[in-house]
Amino acid sequence: MEYLIFIGVLLALSIAMAMDLSWNNVLTNARNEMVFADRHRDYGAFVLRRDYTKRLIMAVIGSVLAFGLAVGLPKIIAALSGEEEVAEVKKIVDVNLDLFEEEKKEEPPPPPVEPPPPVKIESVQFTQLEAVDEPVEEPPPTQETLTETNAGTITQEGEKIDEPPPPVEEAEPQIFTIVEEMPSFPGGEAELFKYLGKNVKYPPMAQDAGITGVVYMTFVVDEHGKVKDPKVLRGIGGGCDEEAIRVVKAMPAWEPGKQRGKPVRVQYNLPIRFTLK
């Protein structure tokens, strides 16, 4: 296509030059006659100027004919030889995937599970006392005996079951916002910025959209220096918020904050800047 455009441009220029009879055209016959009035004309510049337009048109026409012959020759040969192009036919075959599925073997039912025997609990017989005239063969258990075992309808030996003590609810440690000694990144603030610059990866979505700004993060540094519960206070979108959370979660252990010399949990806020270079 580009070759045809180039040939067309040359042909148009040749025709324009042949049709241009003004004095500005150096190839016009009137100008050549005047320039070479007293000079030899059989060869040299006069011949070149006189025959330039004709030769250019012939060259362009010859190029067009050669190109057309090169393009149409295979089709002409195919038409003369009677060969027909065979179009490739794609056959769509429906495959029944059910034929390839393995036959499901029926698994035998699992053996019945025998329940464990009941635990035999130690107890002493305790019945309601009734006023009778006959003597009692076996006196009822005393209060001291009942404090050591369980009361039941029969007396038997077994395991003693101690009643578990009620659960003690542990109070969650207090989270401070300002303490005497604030938590610090290993190596100080300079190492923190170095860590962020090395580990923060600019999200491709934000980079394509040209999103820049600061993601304000908050997290808790516990009494052991571990970073917990990172959250975004104010984000900029484009994947930058998620990247900031990932980098905070991957931080090494900090130096924990201290209040009255004791390590405590401290809420810490951190801005992470995203800038396109």
C-alpha atoms as a PDB file:
ATOM      1  CA  MET A   1       0.000   0.000   0.000  1.00  0.00           C
ATOM      2  CA  GLU A   2       2.790   2.432   0.862  1.00  0.00           C
ATOM      3  CA  TYR A   3       4.562   1.520  -2.369  1.00  0.00           C
ATOM      4  CA  LEU A   4       1.470   2.385  -4.415  1.00  0.00           C
ATOM      5  CA  ILE A   5       1.127   5.731  -2.636  1.00  0.00           C
ATOM      6  CA  PHE A   6       4.781   6.527  -3.375  1.00  0.00           C
ATOM      7  CA  ILE A   7       4.355   5.683  -7.088  1.00  0.00           C
ATOM      8  CA  GLY A   8       1.172   7.756  -7.251  1.00  0.00           C
ATOM      9  CA  VAL A   9       2.958  10.747  -5.736  1.00  0.00           C
ATOM     10  CA  LEU A  10       5.820  10.434  -8.245  1.00  0.00           C
ATOM     11  CA  LEU A  11       3.385  10.134 -11.139  1.00  0.00           C
ATOM     12  CA  ALA A  12       1.456  13.209  -9.935  1.00  0.00           C
ATOM     13  CA  LEU A  13       4.678  15.211  -9.566  1.00  0.00           C
ATOM     14  CA  SER A  14       5.804  14.181 -13.045  1.00  0.00           C
ATOM     15  CA  ILE A  15       2.525  15.219 -14.620  1.00  0.00           C
ATOM     16  CA  ALA A  16       2.546  18.487 -12.651  1.00  0.00           C
ATOM     17  CA  MET A  17       6.060  19.254 -13.825  1.00  0.00           C
ATOM     18  CA  ALA A  18       5.142  18.426 -17.431  1.00  0.00           C
ATOM     19  CA  MET A  19       2.067  20.651 -17.281  1.00  0.00           C
ATOM     20  CA  ASP A  20       3.858  23.551 -15.536  1.00  0.00           C
ATOM     21  CA  LEU A  21       4.899  25.992 -18.303  1.00  0.00           C
ATOM     22  CA  SER A  22       5.788  28.902 -16.001  1.00  0.00           C
ATOM     23  CA  TRP A  23       9.241  30.513 -15.864  1.00  0.00           C
ATOM     24  CA  ASN A  24       9.847  29.036 -12.356  1.00  0.00           C
ATOM     25  CA  ASN A  25       9.979  25.508 -13.834  1.00  0.00           C
ATOM     26  CA  VAL A  26      13.644  24.911 -14.751  1.00  0.00           C
ATOM     27  CA  LEU A  27      12.593  22.127 -17.137  1.00  0.00           C
ATOM     28  CA  THR A  28      10.466  24.243 -19.498  1.00  0.00           C
ATOM     29  CA  ASN A  29      11.635  24.375 -23.154  1.00  0.00           C
ATOM     30  CA  ALA A  30      11.581  28.183 -23.296  1.00  0.00           C
ATOM     31  CA  ARG A  31      13.939  28.469 -20.345  1.00  0.00           C
ATOM     32  CA  ASN A  32      16.266  25.755 -21.690  1.00  0.00           C
ATOM     33  CA  GLU A  33      16.381  27.473 -25.114  1.00  0.00           C
ATOM     34  CA  MET A  34      17.397  30.734 -23.500  1.00  0.00           C
ATOM     35  CA  VAL A  35      19.999  29.207 -21.171  1.00  0.00           C
ATOM     36  CA  PHE A  36      21.617  27.057 -23.873  1.00  0.00           C
ATOM     37  CA  ALA A  37      21.241  29.534 -26.754  1.00  0.00           C
ATOM     38  CA  ASP A  38      24.994  29.781 -27.469  1.00  0.00           C
ATOM     39  CA  ARG A  39      26.055  26.404 -26.081  1.00  0.00           C
ATOM     40  CA  HIS A  40      26.449  22.883 -27.371  1.00  0.00           C
ATOM     41  CA  ARG A  41      23.136  20.977 -26.974  1.00  0.00           C
ATOM     42  CA  ASP A  42      23.873  17.424 -28.120  1.00  0.00           C
ATOM     43  CA  TYR A  43      24.774  16.190 -24.693  1.00  0.00           C
ATOM     44  CA  GLY A  44      25.169  17.287 -21.101  1.00  0.00           C
ATOM     45  CA  ALA A  45      22.779  19.369 -19.038  1.00  0.00           C
ATOM     46  CA  PHE A  46      20.595  20.414 -21.958  1.00  0.00           C
ATOM     47  CA  VAL A  47      19.747  16.810 -22.839  1.00  0.00           C
ATOM     48  CA  LEU A  48      19.120  15.910 -19.229  1.00  0.00           C
ATOM     49  CA  ARG A  49      16.742  18.848 -18.685  1.00  0.00           C
ATOM     50  CA  ARG A  50      14.944  18.329 -21.975  1.00  0.00           C
ATOM     51  CA  ASP A  51      14.268  14.595 -21.483  1.00  0.00           C
ATOM     52  CA  TYR A  52      13.887  14.540 -17.669  1.00  0.00           C
ATOM     53  CA  THR A  53      10.096  14.786 -17.536  1.00  0.00           C
ATOM     54  CA  LYS A  54       9.567  12.216 -20.274  1.00  0.00           C
ATOM     55  CA  ARG A  55      11.947   9.728 -18.666  1.00  0.00           C
ATOM     56  CA  LEU A  56      10.379  10.237 -15.224  1.00  0.00           C
ATOM     57  CA  ILE A  57       6.870   9.526 -16.542  1.00  0.00           C
ATOM     58  CA  MET A  58       8.116   6.435 -18.388  1.00  0.00           C
ATOM     59  CA  ALA A  59       9.873   5.184 -15.233  1.00  0.00           C
ATOM     60  CA  VAL A  60       6.770   5.664 -13.086  1.00  0.00           C
ATOM     61  CA  ILE A  61       4.528   3.947 -15.633  1.00  0.00           C
ATOM     62  CA  GLY A  62       7.013   1.090 -15.921  1.00  0.00           C
ATOM     63  CA  SER A  63       7.106   0.689 -12.124  1.00  0.00           C
ATOM     64  CA  VAL A  64       3.322   0.581 -11.971  1.00  0.00           C
ATOM     65  CA  LEU A  65       3.166  -2.040 -14.699  1.00  0.00           C
ATOM     66  CA  ALA A  66       5.913  -4.134 -13.051  1.00  0.00           C
ATOM     67  CA  PHE A  67       4.194  -4.001  -9.683  1.00  0.00           C
ATOM     68  CA  GLY A  68       0.814  -4.934 -11.204  1.00  0.00           C
ATOM     69  CA  LEU A  69       2.420  -7.821 -13.050  1.00  0.00           C
ATOM     70  CA  ALA A  70       4.140  -9.079  -9.899  1.00  0.00           C
ATOM     71  CA  VAL A  71       0.886  -8.975  -7.933  1.00  0.00           C
ATOM     72  CA  GLY A  72      -1.377 -10.426 -10.598  1.00  0.00           C
ATOM     73  CA  LEU A  73       1.003 -13.046 -12.037  1.00  0.00           C
ATOM     74  CA  PRO A  74       0.246 -15.764  -9.403  1.00  0.00           C
ATOM     75  CA  LYS A  75      -3.485 -15.333  -9.928  1.00  0.00           C
ATOM     76  CA  ILE A  76      -3.102 -15.453 -13.699  1.00  0.00           C
ATOM     77  CA  ILE A  77      -1.028 -18.646 -13.454  1.00  0.00           C
ATOM     78  CA  ALA A  78      -3.561 -20.213 -11.074  1.00  0.00           C
ATOM     79  CA  ALA A  79      -6.434 -19.293 -13.399  1.00  0.00           C
ATOM     80  CA  LEU A  80      -4.665 -20.733 -16.461  1.00  0.00           C
ATOM     81  CA  SER A  81      -3.686 -23.970 -14.721  1.00  0.00           C
ATOM     82  CA  GLY A  82      -7.220 -24.507 -13.349  1.00  0.00           C
ATOM     83  CA  GLU A  83      -6.112 -24.885  -9.744  1.00  0.00           C
ATOM     84  CA  GLU A  84      -8.695 -23.897  -7.195  1.00  0.00           C
ATOM     85  CA  GLU A  85      -7.870 -22.702  -3.780  1.00  0.00           C
ATOM     86  CA  VAL A  86      -9.005 -25.114  -1.178  1.00  0.00           C
ATOM     87  CA  ALA A  87     -10.430 -23.357   1.815  1.00  0.00           C
ATOM     88  CA  GLU A  88      -9.580 -24.839   5.146  1.00  0.00           C
ATOM     89  CA  VAL A  89     -12.702 -26.128   6.796  1.00  0.00           C
ATOM     90  CA  LYS A  90     -12.729 -26.392  10.533  1.00  0.00           C
ATOM     91  CA  LYS A  91     -14.947 -29.108  11.791  1.00  0.00           C
ATOM     92  CA  ILE A  92     -16.456 -28.680  15.219  1.00  0.00           C
ATOM     93  CA  VAL A  93     -16.877 -31.954  16.993  1.00  0.00           C
ATOM     94  CA  ASP A  94     -19.097 -32.241  20.022  1.00  0.00           C
ATOM     95  CA  VAL A  95     -17.418 -34.267  22.724  1.00  0.00           C
ATOM     96  CA  ASN A  96     -19.498 -35.859  25.397  1.00  0.00           C
ATOM     97  CA  LEU A  97     -17.464 -35.375  28.532  1.00  0.00           C
ATOM     98  CA  ASP A  98     -19.693 -37.739  30.445  1.00  0.00           C
ATOM     99  CA  LEU A  99     -18.039 -40.670  28.618  1.00  0.00           C
ATOM    100  CA  PHE A 100     -14.671 -39.758  30.101  1.00  0.00           C
ATOM    101  CA  GLU A 101     -15.873 -39.585  33.669  1.00  0.00           C
ATOM    102  CA  GLU A 102     -14.816 -42.486  35.752  1.00  0.00           C
ATOM    103  CA  GLU A 103     -17.505 -44.695  37.068  1.00  0.00           C
ATOM    104  CA  LYS A 104     -18.286 -43.743  40.604  1.00  0.00           C
ATOM    105  CA  LYS A 105     -17.672 -46.620  42.910  1.00  0.00           C
ATOM    106  CA  GLU A 106     -20.096 -46.994  45.700  1.00  0.00           C
ATOM    107  CA  GLU A 107     -18.190 -46.808  48.927  1.00  0.00           C
ATOM    108  CA  PRO A 108     -19.224 -49.165  51.680  1.00  0.00           C
ATOM    109  CA  PRO A 109     -21.040 -47.511  54.542  1.00  0.00           C
ATOM    110  CA  PRO A 110     -18.847 -46.607  57.498  1.00  0.00           C
ATOM    111  CA  PRO A 111     -18.869 -49.010  60.438  1.00  0.00           C
ATOM    112  CA  PRO A 112     -21.258 -48.065  63.188  1.00  0.00           C
ATOM    113  CA  VAL A 113     -19.742 -46.011  65.941  1.00  0.00           C
ATOM    114  CA  GLU A 114     -20.230 -47.525  69.322  1.00  0.00           C
ATOM    115  CA  PRO A 115     -20.922 -44.898  71.956  1.00  0.00           C
ATOM    116  CA  PRO A 116     -18.474 -44.912  74.839  1.00  0.00           C
ATOM    117  CA  PRO A 117     -19.721 -46.385  78.091  1.00  0.00           C
ATOM    118  CA  PRO A 118     -21.125 -43.801  80.476  1.00  0.00           C
ATOM    119  CA  VAL A 119     -18.782 -42.500  83.105  1.00  0.00           C
ATOM    120  CA  LYS A 120     -19.535 -43.930  86.495  1.00  0.00           C
ATOM    121  CA  ILE A 121     -19.760 -41.074  88.989  1.00  0.00           C
ATOM    122  CA  GLU A 122     -19.132 -41.622  92.641  1.00  0.00           C
ATOM    123  CA  SER A 123     -22.273 -40.932  94.691  1.00  0.00           C
ATOM    124  CA  VAL A 124     -23.996 -41.843  97.977  1.00  0.00           C
ATOM    125  CA  GLN A 125     -27.661 -42.710  98.374  1.00  0.00           C
ATOM    126  CA  PHE A 126     -29.707 -39.847  99.640  1.00  0.00           C
ATOM    127  CA  THR A 127     -33.420 -40.376 100.208  1.00  0.00           C
ATOM    128  CA  GLN A 128     -36.100 -38.288 101.830  1.00  0.00           C
ATOM    129  CA  LEU A 129     -36.471 -38.983 105.523  1.00  0.00           C
ATOM    130  CA  GLU A 130     -39.832 -40.116 106.797  1.00  0.00           C
ATOM    131  CA  ALA A 131     -40.931 -40.489 110.408  1.00  0.00           C
ATOM    132  CA  VAL A 132     -41.431 -44.234 111.183  1.00  0.00           C
ATOM    133  CA  ASP A 133     -41.475 -46.309 114.311  1.00  0.00           C
ATOM    134  CA  GLU A 134     -39.075 -48.938 112.904  1.00  0.00           C
ATOM    135  CA  PRO A 135     -35.322 -48.512 113.473  1.00  0.00           C
ATOM    136  CA  VAL A 136     -33.246 -47.312 110.456  1.00  0.00           C
ATOM    137  CA  GLU A 137     -30.756 -49.882 109.204  1.00  0.00           C
ATOM    138  CA  GLU A 138     -28.498 -47.349 107.427  1.00  0.00           C
ATOM    139  CA  PRO A 139     -28.347 -43.730 108.577  1.00  0.00           C
ATOM    140  CA  PRO A 140     -28.394 -41.003 105.906  1.00  0.00           C
ATOM    141  CA  PRO A 141     -25.060 -39.413 104.842  1.00  0.00           C
ATOM    142  CA  THR A 142     -23.804 -36.519 106.873  1.00  0.00           C
ATOM    143  CA  GLN A 143     -23.197 -33.035 105.490  1.00  0.00           C
ATOM    144  CA  GLU A 144     -19.447 -33.615 105.513  1.00  0.00           C
ATOM    145  CA  THR A 145     -19.877 -36.670 103.261  1.00  0.00           C
ATOM    146  CA  LEU A 146     -22.012 -34.715 100.819  1.00  0.00           C
ATOM    147  CA  THR A 147     -19.342 -32.014 100.487  1.00  0.00           C
ATOM    148  CA  GLU A 148     -16.819 -34.671  99.379  1.00  0.00           C
ATOM    149  CA  THR A 149     -19.033 -36.541  96.853  1.00  0.00           C
ATOM    150  CA  ASN A 150     -22.322 -36.277  94.937  1.00  0.00           C
ATOM    151  CA  ALA A 151     -25.775 -37.154  96.172  1.00  0.00           C
ATOM    152  CA  GLY A 152     -27.677 -39.830  94.208  1.00  0.00           C
ATOM    153  CA  THR A 153     -30.341 -42.547  94.401  1.00  0.00           C
ATOM    154  CA  ILE A 154     -27.771 -45.304  95.051  1.00  0.00           C
ATOM    155  CA  THR A 155     -24.396 -45.603  96.671  1.00  0.00           C
ATOM    156  CA  GLN A 156     -21.599 -46.531  94.221  1.00  0.00           C
ATOM    157  CA  GLU A 157     -17.916 -46.044  93.581  1.00  0.00           C
ATOM    158  CA  GLY A 158     -16.706 -44.053  90.551  1.00  0.00           C
ATOM    159  CA  GLU A 159     -14.906 -40.955  89.380  1.00  0.00           C
ATOM    160  CA  LYS A 160     -15.078 -37.756  91.316  1.00  0.00           C
ATOM    161  CA  ILE A 161     -16.174 -34.782  89.211  1.00  0.00           C
ATOM    162  CA  ASP A 162     -14.960 -31.437  90.412  1.00  0.00           C
ATOM    163  CA  GLU A 163     -17.050 -28.503  89.369  1.00  0.00           C
ATOM    164  CA  PRO A 164     -14.901 -26.183  87.297  1.00  0.00           C
ATOM    165  CA  PRO A 165     -14.398 -22.704  88.652  1.00  0.00           C
ATOM    166  CA  PRO A 166     -16.213 -19.924  86.807  1.00  0.00           C
ATOM    167  CA  PRO A 167     -14.165 -18.341  84.025  1.00  0.00           C
ATOM    168  CA  VAL A 168     -12.321 -15.190  84.876  1.00  0.00           C
ATOM    169  CA  GLU A 169     -12.721 -12.507  82.278  1.00  0.00           C
ATOM    170  CA  GLU A 170      -9.408 -10.878  81.476  1.00  0.00           C
ATOM    171  CA  ALA A 171      -9.552  -7.167  80.869  1.00  0.00           C
ATOM    172  CA  GLU A 172      -8.041  -6.068  77.549  1.00  0.00           C
ATOM    173  CA  PRO A 173      -4.856  -4.028  77.896  1.00  0.00           C
ATOM    174  CA  GLN A 174      -5.358  -0.313  77.593  1.00  0.00           C
ATOM    175  CA  ILE A 175      -4.279   1.317  74.309  1.00  0.00           C
ATOM    176  CA  PHE A 176      -2.486   4.638  74.838  1.00  0.00           C
ATOM    177  CA  THR A 177      -2.174   7.458  72.326  1.00  0.00           C
ATOM    178  CA  ILE A 178       0.517   9.429  74.179  1.00  0.00           C
ATOM    179  CA  VAL A 179       3.057   7.844  76.536  1.00  0.00           C
ATOM    180  CA  GLU A 180       6.278   8.888  78.167  1.00  0.00           C
ATOM    181  CA  GLU A 181       8.352   6.875  75.664  1.00  0.00           C
ATOM    182  CA  MET A 182       6.699   6.547  72.232  1.00  0.00           C
ATOM    183  CA  PRO A 183       7.352   3.395  70.181  1.00  0.00           C
ATOM    184  CA  SER A 184      10.131   3.673  67.605  1.00  0.00           C
ATOM    185  CA  PHE A 185      11.171   1.836  64.442  1.00  0.00           C
ATOM    186  CA  PRO A 186      14.440  -0.141  64.714  1.00  0.00           C
ATOM    187  CA  GLY A 187      17.186   2.347  63.942  1.00  0.00           C
ATOM    188  CA  GLY A 188      15.015   5.422  64.286  1.00  0.00           C
ATOM    189  CA  GLU A 189      12.991   7.612  61.942  1.00  0.00           C
ATOM    190  CA  ALA A 190      15.660   7.618  59.208  1.00  0.00           C
ATOM    191  CA  GLU A 191      15.541   3.821  58.984  1.00  0.00           C
ATOM    192  CA  LEU A 192      11.735   3.974  58.889  1.00  0.00           C
ATOM    193  CA  PHE A 193      11.784   6.271  55.835  1.00  0.00           C
ATOM    194  CA  LYS A 194      14.449   4.085  54.239  1.00  0.00           C
ATOM    195  CA  TYR A 195      12.256   1.018  54.798  1.00  0.00           C
ATOM    196  CA  LEU A 196       9.247   2.746  53.224  1.00  0.00           C
ATOM    197  CA  GLY A 197      11.235   3.929  50.216  1.00  0.00           C
ATOM    198  CA  LYS A 198      12.602   0.425  49.626  1.00  0.00           C
ATOM    199  CA  ASN A 199       9.428  -1.589  50.146  1.00  0.00           C
ATOM    200  CA  VAL A 200       6.569   0.615  48.870  1.00  0.00           C
ATOM    201  CA  LYS A 201       5.708  -0.438  45.300  1.00  0.00           C
ATOM    202  CA  TYR A 202       3.708   2.050  43.245  1.00  0.00           C
ATOM    203  CA  PRO A 203       0.465   0.329  42.136  1.00  0.00           C
ATOM    204  CA  PRO A 204       0.208   0.133  38.311  1.00  0.00           C
ATOM    205  CA  MET A 205      -3.414   1.368  38.445  1.00  0.00           C
ATOM    206  CA  ALA A 206      -2.423   4.518  40.341  1.00  0.00           C
ATOM    207  CA  GLN A 207       0.622   5.025  38.110  1.00  0.00           C
ATOM    208  CA  ASP A 208      -1.450   4.860  34.903  1.00  0.00           C
ATOM    209  CA  ALA A 209      -4.078   7.200  36.368  1.00  0.00           C
ATOM    210  CA  GLY A 210      -1.454   9.639  37.690  1.00  0.00           C
ATOM    211  CA  ILE A 211      -2.683   9.326  41.297  1.00  0.00           C
ATOM    212  CA  THR A 212      -0.377  10.905  43.896  1.00  0.00           C
ATOM    213  CA  GLY A 213      -0.809  11.936  47.512  1.00  0.00           C
ATOM    214  CA  VAL A 214      -0.452  10.774  51.108  1.00  0.00           C
ATOM    215  CA  VAL A 215      -2.117   7.733  52.697  1.00  0.00           C
ATOM    216  CA  TYR A 216      -2.568   8.292  56.441  1.00  0.00           C
ATOM    217  CA  MET A 217      -2.234   5.019  58.344  1.00  0.00           C
ATOM    218  CA  THR A 218      -2.907   4.113  61.972  1.00  0.00           C
ATOM    219  CA  PHE A 219      -1.865   0.944  63.799  1.00  0.00           C
ATOM    220  CA  VAL A 220      -1.111  -0.387  67.271  1.00  0.00           C
ATOM    221  CA  VAL A 221       2.359  -1.248  68.536  1.00  0.00           C
ATOM    222  CA  ASP A 222       1.773  -3.733  71.364  1.00  0.00           C
ATOM    223  CA  GLU A 223       3.863  -4.288  74.460  1.00  0.00           C
ATOM    224  CA  HIS A 224       6.075  -6.755  72.522  1.00  0.00           C
ATOM    225  CA  GLY A 225       6.719  -4.332  69.649  1.00  0.00           C
ATOM    226  CA  LYS A 226       4.504  -6.134  67.142  1.00  0.00           C
ATOM    227  CA  VAL A 227       2.466  -4.072  64.652  1.00  0.00           C
ATOM    228  CA  LYS A 228      -1.237  -4.924  64.844  1.00  0.00           C
ATOM    229  CA  ASP A 229      -4.557  -3.804  63.339  1.00  0.00           C
ATOM    230  CA  PRO A 230      -3.320  -1.449  60.558  1.00  0.00           C
ATOM    231  CA  LYS A 231      -6.073   0.772  59.165  1.00  0.00           C
ATOM    232  CA  VAL A 232      -6.361   3.608  56.644  1.00  0.00           C
ATOM    233  CA  LEU A 233      -7.455   6.908  58.175  1.00  0.00           C
ATOM    234  CA  ARG A 234      -7.515   8.732  54.837  1.00  0.00           C
ATOM    235  CA  GLY A 235      -6.611   7.175  51.500  1.00  0.00           C
ATOM    236  CA  ILE A 236      -6.171   8.206  47.870  1.00  0.00           C
ATOM    237  CA  GLY A 237      -7.409   5.076  46.068  1.00  0.00           C
ATOM    238  CA  GLY A 238      -5.924   3.448  42.975  1.00  0.00           C
ATOM    239  CA  GLY A 239      -4.496   0.562  45.024  1.00  0.00           C
ATOM    240  CA  CYS A 240      -2.320   2.876  47.155  1.00  0.00           C
ATOM    241  CA  ASP A 241      -4.375   2.205  50.311  1.00  0.00           C
ATOM    242  CA  GLU A 242      -3.939  -1.572  49.984  1.00  0.00           C
ATOM    243  CA  GLU A 243      -0.213  -1.169  49.296  1.00  0.00           C
ATOM    244  CA  ALA A 244       0.192   0.977  52.430  1.00  0.00           C
ATOM    245  CA  ILE A 245      -1.551  -1.686  54.544  1.00  0.00           C
ATOM    246  CA  ARG A 246       0.693  -4.395  53.065  1.00  0.00           C
ATOM    247  CA  VAL A 247       3.888  -2.475  53.825  1.00  0.00           C
ATOM    248  CA  VAL A 248       2.795  -1.754  57.411  1.00  0.00           C
ATOM    249  CA  LYS A 249       1.921  -5.405  58.036  1.00  0.00           C
ATOM    250  CA  ALA A 250       5.365  -6.465  56.778  1.00  0.00           C
ATOM    251  CA  MET A 251       7.229  -4.157  59.195  1.00  0.00           C
ATOM    252  CA  PRO A 252       9.683  -5.709  61.633  1.00  0.00           C
ATOM    253  CA  ALA A 253       9.109  -5.489  65.379  1.00  0.00           C
ATOM    254  CA  TRP A 254       9.328  -1.979  66.857  1.00  0.00           C
ATOM    255  CA  GLU A 255      10.705  -0.808  70.140  1.00  0.00           C
ATOM    256  CA  PRO A 256       7.522  -0.776  72.283  1.00  0.00           C
ATOM    257  CA  GLY A 257       6.309   2.374  73.957  1.00  0.00           C
ATOM    258  CA  LYS A 258       6.639   2.671  77.739  1.00  0.00           C
ATOM    259  CA  GLN A 259       4.580   4.299  80.429  1.00  0.00           C
ATOM    260  CA  ARG A 260       6.222   4.576  83.857  1.00  0.00           C
ATOM    261  CA  GLY A 261       8.937   2.217  82.660  1.00  0.00           C
ATOM    262  CA  LYS A 262       6.482  -0.541  81.657  1.00  0.00           C
ATOM    263  CA  PRO A 263       5.865  -1.585  77.978  1.00  0.00           C
ATOM    264  CA  VAL A 264       2.300  -0.725  76.903  1.00  0.00           C
ATOM    265  CA  ARG A 265       0.180  -0.701  73.768  1.00  0.00           C
ATOM    266  CA  VAL A 266       0.332   2.560  71.809  1.00  0.00           C
ATOM    267  CA  GLN A 267      -1.739   3.833  68.866  1.00  0.00           C
ATOM    268  CA  TYR A 268       0.630   5.165  66.193  1.00  0.00           C
ATOM    269  CA  ASN A 269      -0.205   7.256  63.098  1.00  0.00           C
ATOM    270  CA  LEU A 270       2.048   7.184  60.009  1.00  0.00           C
ATOM    271  CA  PRO A 271       1.761   9.101  56.686  1.00  0.00           C
ATOM    272  CA  ILE A 272       2.974   7.233  53.566  1.00  0.00           C
ATOM    273  CA  ARG A 273       3.541   9.410  50.515  1.00  0.00           C
ATOM    274  CA  PHE A 274       3.051   8.199  46.923  1.00  0.00           C
ATOM    275  CA  THR A 275       4.862  10.410  44.383  1.00  0.00           C
ATOM    276  CA  LEU A 276       5.436   9.801  40.664  1.00  0.00           C
ATOM    277  CA  LYS A 277       8.981  10.492  39.546  1.00  0.00           C
END
